[in-house]
């Protein structure tokens, strides 16, 4: 189970984030009230996979730098308005929607690791996320994919049901649903041009929600 460390001074916000993480079953939360509690001092102490920090000050900037220098750097999310801090994976400007935060947590904890790990098989394809390519049976030349095309396929592959446009934009691109964009439709179109052959349709549209066809049962 993922260890999620929360260094959030706002009590109401901290409790709301914990409840959302618990409901979504994303991992085990560990509340800390000072920076030194995040870095384990002994081997048997819990190592953070993801750290959520609110607001910025000199001490927290130092913490981010120290975490970013670790061999196994955790994902660092900042809940604060203002400057971007080197080492932070993503900053959420206040006010933000908790649902949007949860979607990004799912991406970092569930989708992002798959981009570095095992191949994914669907239909006649073997998707190699780490190489950003898809190999089709009986064809020698791989199909090259962009970073976002790869992330989109991985996200759909690990989704248990059809994913809504809102969830895909939030999870893969980090977009809030209030942003009007045709990015998803453009990427779906490009992927279909690359993958669909002989009348195939591997990216299914179910009443506005998308799923990847041909996944193993």
C-alpha atoms as a PDB file:
ATOM      1  CA  UNK A   1       0.000   0.000   0.000  1.00  0.00           C
ATOM      2  CA  UNK A   2       1.260   3.487  -0.853  1.00  0.00           C
ATOM      3  CA  UNK A   3       2.495   5.661   1.996  1.00  0.00           C
ATOM      4  CA  UNK A   4       1.137   9.198   1.631  1.00  0.00           C
ATOM      5  CA  UNK A   5       2.603  11.792   4.002  1.00  0.00           C
ATOM      6  CA  UNK A   6       0.598  14.924   4.745  1.00  0.00           C
ATOM      7  CA  UNK A   7       2.299  18.079   5.972  1.00  0.00           C
ATOM      8  CA  UNK A   8      -0.832  20.239   5.975  1.00  0.00           C
ATOM      9  CA  UNK A   9      -1.301  22.865   8.675  1.00  0.00           C
ATOM     10  CA  UNK A  10      -4.920  23.698   7.793  1.00  0.00           C
ATOM     11  CA  UNK A  11      -6.911  21.228   9.907  1.00  0.00           C
ATOM     12  CA  UNK A  12     -10.085  21.351   7.816  1.00  0.00           C
ATOM     13  CA  UNK A  13      -8.193  20.907   4.554  1.00  0.00           C
ATOM     14  CA  UNK A  14      -6.096  18.078   6.000  1.00  0.00           C
ATOM     15  CA  UNK A  15      -9.133  16.143   7.193  1.00  0.00           C
ATOM     16  CA  UNK A  16     -10.903  16.652   3.853  1.00  0.00           C
ATOM     17  CA  UNK A  17      -7.867  15.348   1.939  1.00  0.00           C
ATOM     18  CA  UNK A  18      -7.569  12.331   4.253  1.00  0.00           C
ATOM     19  CA  UNK A  19     -11.242  11.494   3.751  1.00  0.00           C
ATOM     20  CA  UNK A  20     -10.892  11.690  -0.038  1.00  0.00           C
ATOM     21  CA  UNK A  21      -7.808   9.452  -0.017  1.00  0.00           C
ATOM     22  CA  UNK A  22      -9.569   6.957   2.248  1.00  0.00           C
ATOM     23  CA  UNK A  23     -12.702   6.899   0.080  1.00  0.00           C
ATOM     24  CA  UNK A  24     -10.677   6.389  -3.097  1.00  0.00           C
ATOM     25  CA  UNK A  25      -8.544   3.704  -1.365  1.00  0.00           C
ATOM     26  CA  UNK A  26      -5.335   5.278  -2.630  1.00  0.00           C
ATOM     27  CA  UNK A  27      -3.044   4.396   0.245  1.00  0.00           C
ATOM     28  CA  UNK A  28      -2.150   4.791   3.901  1.00  0.00           C
ATOM     29  CA  UNK A  29      -1.986   8.380   5.147  1.00  0.00           C
ATOM     30  CA  UNK A  30       0.562   9.617   7.686  1.00  0.00           C
ATOM     31  CA  UNK A  31       0.002  13.046   9.214  1.00  0.00           C
ATOM     32  CA  UNK A  32       3.163  14.895  10.247  1.00  0.00           C
ATOM     33  CA  UNK A  33       3.507  18.323  11.805  1.00  0.00           C
ATOM     34  CA  UNK A  34       7.163  18.975  11.144  1.00  0.00           C
ATOM     35  CA  UNK A  35       9.535  18.352   8.259  1.00  0.00           C
ATOM     36  CA  UNK A  36      11.834  15.968  10.124  1.00  0.00           C
ATOM     37  CA  UNK A  37       9.058  13.380  10.484  1.00  0.00           C
ATOM     38  CA  UNK A  38       8.938  12.759   6.735  1.00  0.00           C
ATOM     39  CA  UNK A  39      12.409  11.340   6.245  1.00  0.00           C
ATOM     40  CA  UNK A  40      12.712   7.885   7.898  1.00  0.00           C
ATOM     41  CA  UNK A  41      15.754   7.542  10.152  1.00  0.00           C
ATOM     42  CA  UNK A  42      15.723   3.747  10.317  1.00  0.00           C
ATOM     43  CA  UNK A  43      15.151   0.991   7.780  1.00  0.00           C
ATOM     44  CA  UNK A  44      11.920  -0.178   9.365  1.00  0.00           C
ATOM     45  CA  UNK A  45      10.311   3.267   9.244  1.00  0.00           C
ATOM     46  CA  UNK A  46       7.819   4.035   6.515  1.00  0.00           C
ATOM     47  CA  UNK A  47       9.207   5.564   3.343  1.00  0.00           C
ATOM     48  CA  UNK A  48       6.973   8.147   1.667  1.00  0.00           C
ATOM     49  CA  UNK A  49       5.877   7.413  -1.875  1.00  0.00           C
ATOM     50  CA  UNK A  50       3.961  10.675  -2.096  1.00  0.00           C
ATOM     51  CA  UNK A  51       4.125  13.838   0.009  1.00  0.00           C
ATOM     52  CA  UNK A  52       1.465  16.573   0.108  1.00  0.00           C
ATOM     53  CA  UNK A  53       2.541  19.941   1.504  1.00  0.00           C
ATOM     54  CA  UNK A  54       0.470  23.087   1.941  1.00  0.00           C
ATOM     55  CA  UNK A  55       1.796  26.631   1.656  1.00  0.00           C
ATOM     56  CA  UNK A  56       5.410  27.598   1.177  1.00  0.00           C
ATOM     57  CA  UNK A  57       8.124  28.932   3.450  1.00  0.00           C
ATOM     58  CA  UNK A  58      11.889  28.643   3.651  1.00  0.00           C
ATOM     59  CA  UNK A  59      11.758  25.489   5.778  1.00  0.00           C
ATOM     60  CA  UNK A  60       9.420  23.693   3.385  1.00  0.00           C
ATOM     61  CA  UNK A  61      11.523  24.710   0.385  1.00  0.00           C
ATOM     62  CA  UNK A  62      14.503  23.116   2.107  1.00  0.00           C
ATOM     63  CA  UNK A  63      12.442  19.974   2.720  1.00  0.00           C
ATOM     64  CA  UNK A  64      11.462  19.762  -0.948  1.00  0.00           C
ATOM     65  CA  UNK A  65      15.098  20.042  -2.012  1.00  0.00           C
ATOM     66  CA  UNK A  66      16.157  17.298   0.403  1.00  0.00           C
ATOM     67  CA  UNK A  67      13.373  14.949  -0.741  1.00  0.00           C
ATOM     68  CA  UNK A  68      14.154  15.627  -4.400  1.00  0.00           C
ATOM     69  CA  UNK A  69      17.772  14.603  -3.842  1.00  0.00           C
ATOM     70  CA  UNK A  70      16.876  11.195  -2.433  1.00  0.00           C
ATOM     71  CA  UNK A  71      17.633   8.125  -4.604  1.00  0.00           C
ATOM     72  CA  UNK A  72      13.966   7.114  -4.374  1.00  0.00           C
ATOM     73  CA  UNK A  73      12.403  10.552  -4.703  1.00  0.00           C
ATOM     74  CA  UNK A  74       8.759  10.634  -3.609  1.00  0.00           C
ATOM     75  CA  UNK A  75       6.133  12.441  -5.632  1.00  0.00           C
ATOM     76  CA  UNK A  76       5.744  15.908  -4.109  1.00  0.00           C
ATOM     77  CA  UNK A  77       2.499  17.866  -4.442  1.00  0.00           C
ATOM     78  CA  UNK A  78       2.146  21.433  -3.182  1.00  0.00           C
ATOM     79  CA  UNK A  79      -1.202  22.945  -2.177  1.00  0.00           C
ATOM     80  CA  UNK A  80      -0.315  26.598  -2.493  1.00  0.00           C
ATOM     81  CA  UNK A  81      -0.660  29.630  -4.691  1.00  0.00           C
ATOM     82  CA  UNK A  82       2.359  31.508  -5.945  1.00  0.00           C
ATOM     83  CA  UNK A  83       5.804  30.462  -7.125  1.00  0.00           C
ATOM     84  CA  UNK A  84       6.771  27.136  -8.595  1.00  0.00           C
ATOM     85  CA  UNK A  85       9.334  25.311  -6.478  1.00  0.00           C
ATOM     86  CA  UNK A  86      12.002  23.147  -8.085  1.00  0.00           C
ATOM     87  CA  UNK A  87      11.492  19.525  -7.084  1.00  0.00           C
ATOM     88  CA  UNK A  88       7.695  19.777  -6.752  1.00  0.00           C
ATOM     89  CA  UNK A  89       5.885  17.527  -9.218  1.00  0.00           C
ATOM     90  CA  UNK A  90       2.724  19.586  -9.293  1.00  0.00           C
ATOM     91  CA  UNK A  91       1.302  22.689  -7.610  1.00  0.00           C
ATOM     92  CA  UNK A  92      -2.414  23.178  -6.942  1.00  0.00           C
ATOM     93  CA  UNK A  93      -3.384  26.828  -6.754  1.00  0.00           C
ATOM     94  CA  UNK A  94      -6.074  27.577  -4.202  1.00  0.00           C
ATOM     95  CA  UNK A  95      -8.983  27.275  -4.434  1.00  0.00           C
ATOM     96  CA  UNK A  96      -8.856  23.825  -6.033  1.00  0.00           C
ATOM     97  CA  UNK A  97     -11.352  20.974  -6.230  1.00  0.00           C
ATOM     98  CA  UNK A  98     -10.690  17.932  -4.058  1.00  0.00           C
ATOM     99  CA  UNK A  99     -11.918  15.741  -6.900  1.00  0.00           C
ATOM    100  CA  UNK A 100      -9.217  17.169  -9.131  1.00  0.00           C
ATOM    101  CA  UNK A 101      -6.570  16.463  -6.483  1.00  0.00           C
ATOM    102  CA  UNK A 102      -7.773  12.855  -6.152  1.00  0.00           C
ATOM    103  CA  UNK A 103      -7.594  12.364  -9.925  1.00  0.00           C
ATOM    104  CA  UNK A 104      -3.975  13.530  -9.928  1.00  0.00           C
ATOM    105  CA  UNK A 105      -3.164  11.297  -6.938  1.00  0.00           C
ATOM    106  CA  UNK A 106      -4.538   8.330  -8.882  1.00  0.00           C
ATOM    107  CA  UNK A 107      -2.358   9.276 -11.829  1.00  0.00           C
ATOM    108  CA  UNK A 108       0.854   9.504  -9.783  1.00  0.00           C
ATOM    109  CA  UNK A 109       0.131   6.359  -7.748  1.00  0.00           C
ATOM    110  CA  UNK A 110      -1.470   4.104 -10.378  1.00  0.00           C
ATOM    111  CA  UNK A 111      -0.746   5.293 -13.923  1.00  0.00           C
ATOM    112  CA  UNK A 112       2.698   6.914 -13.714  1.00  0.00           C
ATOM    113  CA  UNK A 113       4.441   3.779 -12.316  1.00  0.00           C
ATOM    114  CA  UNK A 114       3.143   1.759 -15.264  1.00  0.00           C
ATOM    115  CA  UNK A 115       4.831   4.191 -17.654  1.00  0.00           C
ATOM    116  CA  UNK A 116       8.142   2.896 -16.328  1.00  0.00           C
ATOM    117  CA  UNK A 117       7.315  -0.765 -15.834  1.00  0.00           C
ATOM    118  CA  UNK A 118       5.754  -3.767 -17.497  1.00  0.00           C
ATOM    119  CA  UNK A 119       4.342  -3.950 -21.042  1.00  0.00           C
ATOM    120  CA  UNK A 120       0.587  -3.885 -21.546  1.00  0.00           C
ATOM    121  CA  UNK A 121      -1.164  -6.199 -24.011  1.00  0.00           C
ATOM    122  CA  UNK A 122      -4.426  -5.313 -25.751  1.00  0.00           C
ATOM    123  CA  UNK A 123      -5.777  -6.884 -28.935  1.00  0.00           C
ATOM    124  CA  UNK A 124      -2.832  -7.565 -31.272  1.00  0.00           C
ATOM    125  CA  UNK A 125      -0.695  -4.932 -29.563  1.00  0.00           C
ATOM    126  CA  UNK A 126       2.054  -5.003 -26.982  1.00  0.00           C
ATOM    127  CA  UNK A 127       2.403  -1.533 -25.485  1.00  0.00           C
ATOM    128  CA  UNK A 128       5.851  -0.733 -24.077  1.00  0.00           C
ATOM    129  CA  UNK A 129       5.287   2.422 -22.018  1.00  0.00           C
ATOM    130  CA  UNK A 130       8.933   2.922 -21.070  1.00  0.00           C
ATOM    131  CA  UNK A 131       9.873   2.953 -24.783  1.00  0.00           C
ATOM    132  CA  UNK A 132       6.802   4.923 -25.906  1.00  0.00           C
ATOM    133  CA  UNK A 133       5.913   2.438 -28.605  1.00  0.00           C
ATOM    134  CA  UNK A 134       3.399  -0.255 -29.511  1.00  0.00           C
ATOM    135  CA  UNK A 135       4.307  -3.480 -31.289  1.00  0.00           C
ATOM    136  CA  UNK A 136       1.690  -5.208 -33.440  1.00  0.00           C
ATOM    137  CA  UNK A 137       1.675  -8.955 -34.016  1.00  0.00           C
ATOM    138  CA  UNK A 138       3.416 -10.050 -37.229  1.00  0.00           C
ATOM    139  CA  UNK A 139       4.686  -6.521 -37.905  1.00  0.00           C
ATOM    140  CA  UNK A 140       8.353  -5.668 -37.478  1.00  0.00           C
ATOM    141  CA  UNK A 141       8.157  -1.893 -37.294  1.00  0.00           C
ATOM    142  CA  UNK A 142       6.989  -0.436 -33.954  1.00  0.00           C
ATOM    143  CA  UNK A 143       4.421   2.330 -33.766  1.00  0.00           C
ATOM    144  CA  UNK A 144       5.974   5.373 -32.119  1.00  0.00           C
ATOM    145  CA  UNK A 145       3.913   7.184 -29.506  1.00  0.00           C
ATOM    146  CA  UNK A 146       4.186  10.563 -27.849  1.00  0.00           C
ATOM    147  CA  UNK A 147       4.454  10.888 -24.075  1.00  0.00           C
ATOM    148  CA  UNK A 148       0.784  11.849 -23.716  1.00  0.00           C
ATOM    149  CA  UNK A 149      -0.423   9.186 -26.144  1.00  0.00           C
ATOM    150  CA  UNK A 150       1.409   6.615 -24.041  1.00  0.00           C
ATOM    151  CA  UNK A 151       0.022   7.997 -20.774  1.00  0.00           C
ATOM    152  CA  UNK A 152      -3.508   7.999 -22.213  1.00  0.00           C
ATOM    153  CA  UNK A 153      -3.289   4.359 -23.278  1.00  0.00           C
ATOM    154  CA  UNK A 154      -1.843   3.333 -19.912  1.00  0.00           C
ATOM    155  CA  UNK A 155      -4.566   5.210 -18.043  1.00  0.00           C
ATOM    156  CA  UNK A 156      -7.325   3.551 -20.075  1.00  0.00           C
ATOM    157  CA  UNK A 157      -5.659   0.147 -19.708  1.00  0.00           C
ATOM    158  CA  UNK A 158      -5.730   0.316 -15.902  1.00  0.00           C
ATOM    159  CA  UNK A 159      -9.239   1.825 -15.691  1.00  0.00           C
ATOM    160  CA  UNK A 160     -11.795  -0.719 -14.520  1.00  0.00           C
ATOM    161  CA  UNK A 161     -14.603   0.983 -16.466  1.00  0.00           C
ATOM    162  CA  UNK A 162     -15.013   3.550 -19.207  1.00  0.00           C
ATOM    163  CA  UNK A 163     -13.309   6.808 -18.215  1.00  0.00           C
ATOM    164  CA  UNK A 164     -15.109  10.112 -18.608  1.00  0.00           C
ATOM    165  CA  UNK A 165     -13.592  13.034 -20.461  1.00  0.00           C
ATOM    166  CA  UNK A 166     -13.333  14.922 -17.155  1.00  0.00           C
ATOM    167  CA  UNK A 167     -11.425  12.110 -15.438  1.00  0.00           C
ATOM    168  CA  UNK A 168      -9.031  11.628 -18.353  1.00  0.00           C
ATOM    169  CA  UNK A 169      -8.205  15.332 -18.622  1.00  0.00           C
ATOM    170  CA  UNK A 170      -7.653  15.574 -14.869  1.00  0.00           C
ATOM    171  CA  UNK A 171      -5.621  12.388 -14.590  1.00  0.00           C
ATOM    172  CA  UNK A 172      -3.449  12.496 -17.701  1.00  0.00           C
ATOM    173  CA  UNK A 173      -3.138  16.229 -18.331  1.00  0.00           C
ATOM    174  CA  UNK A 174      -3.863  17.719 -14.913  1.00  0.00           C
ATOM    175  CA  UNK A 175      -6.621  19.890 -16.372  1.00  0.00           C
ATOM    176  CA  UNK A 176      -9.511  21.118 -14.289  1.00  0.00           C
ATOM    177  CA  UNK A 177     -12.920  20.356 -15.818  1.00  0.00           C
ATOM    178  CA  UNK A 178     -13.492  24.109 -16.083  1.00  0.00           C
ATOM    179  CA  UNK A 179     -10.841  24.345 -18.810  1.00  0.00           C
ATOM    180  CA  UNK A 180     -12.274  24.147 -22.326  1.00  0.00           C
ATOM    181  CA  UNK A 181      -9.912  22.126 -24.520  1.00  0.00           C
ATOM    182  CA  UNK A 182      -9.964  19.736 -27.471  1.00  0.00           C
ATOM    183  CA  UNK A 183      -6.707  18.101 -26.370  1.00  0.00           C
ATOM    184  CA  UNK A 184      -8.292  14.733 -25.583  1.00  0.00           C
ATOM    185  CA  UNK A 185     -10.212  14.524 -28.841  1.00  0.00           C
ATOM    186  CA  UNK A 186      -7.071  15.410 -30.787  1.00  0.00           C
ATOM    187  CA  UNK A 187      -5.050  12.666 -29.082  1.00  0.00           C
ATOM    188  CA  UNK A 188      -7.824  10.097 -29.561  1.00  0.00           C
ATOM    189  CA  UNK A 189      -7.914  10.966 -33.265  1.00  0.00           C
ATOM    190  CA  UNK A 190      -4.133  10.619 -33.610  1.00  0.00           C
ATOM    191  CA  UNK A 191      -4.081   7.299 -31.747  1.00  0.00           C
ATOM    192  CA  UNK A 192      -6.835   5.886 -33.916  1.00  0.00           C
ATOM    193  CA  UNK A 193      -4.860   6.828 -37.006  1.00  0.00           C
ATOM    194  CA  UNK A 194      -1.864   4.945 -35.626  1.00  0.00           C
ATOM    195  CA  UNK A 195      -3.571   1.875 -34.147  1.00  0.00           C
ATOM    196  CA  UNK A 196      -6.805   1.202 -36.001  1.00  0.00           C
ATOM    197  CA  UNK A 197      -6.250  -0.925 -39.080  1.00  0.00           C
ATOM    198  CA  UNK A 198      -8.651  -2.906 -41.274  1.00  0.00           C
ATOM    199  CA  UNK A 199     -11.672  -1.200 -39.730  1.00  0.00           C
ATOM    200  CA  UNK A 200     -10.597  -1.817 -36.123  1.00  0.00           C
ATOM    201  CA  UNK A 201     -11.546   0.422 -33.225  1.00  0.00           C
ATOM    202  CA  UNK A 202      -9.397  -0.063 -30.124  1.00  0.00           C
ATOM    203  CA  UNK A 203     -10.396   3.206 -28.447  1.00  0.00           C
ATOM    204  CA  UNK A 204     -14.094   2.801 -27.793  1.00  0.00           C
ATOM    205  CA  UNK A 205     -16.409   5.717 -27.058  1.00  0.00           C
ATOM    206  CA  UNK A 206     -19.271   4.770 -24.739  1.00  0.00           C
ATOM    207  CA  UNK A 207     -21.616   7.749 -24.671  1.00  0.00           C
ATOM    208  CA  UNK A 208     -18.750  10.202 -24.207  1.00  0.00           C
ATOM    209  CA  UNK A 209     -16.625   7.938 -21.989  1.00  0.00           C
ATOM    210  CA  UNK A 210     -13.595   6.064 -23.329  1.00  0.00           C
ATOM    211  CA  UNK A 211     -12.228   2.562 -22.818  1.00  0.00           C
ATOM    212  CA  UNK A 212      -9.479   0.452 -24.352  1.00  0.00           C
ATOM    213  CA  UNK A 213     -10.824  -2.563 -26.222  1.00  0.00           C
ATOM    214  CA  UNK A 214      -9.050  -5.934 -26.304  1.00  0.00           C
ATOM    215  CA  UNK A 215      -7.778  -6.033 -22.729  1.00  0.00           C
ATOM    216  CA  UNK A 216      -7.287  -9.548 -21.255  1.00  0.00           C
ATOM    217  CA  UNK A 217     -10.302 -10.743 -19.281  1.00  0.00           C
END
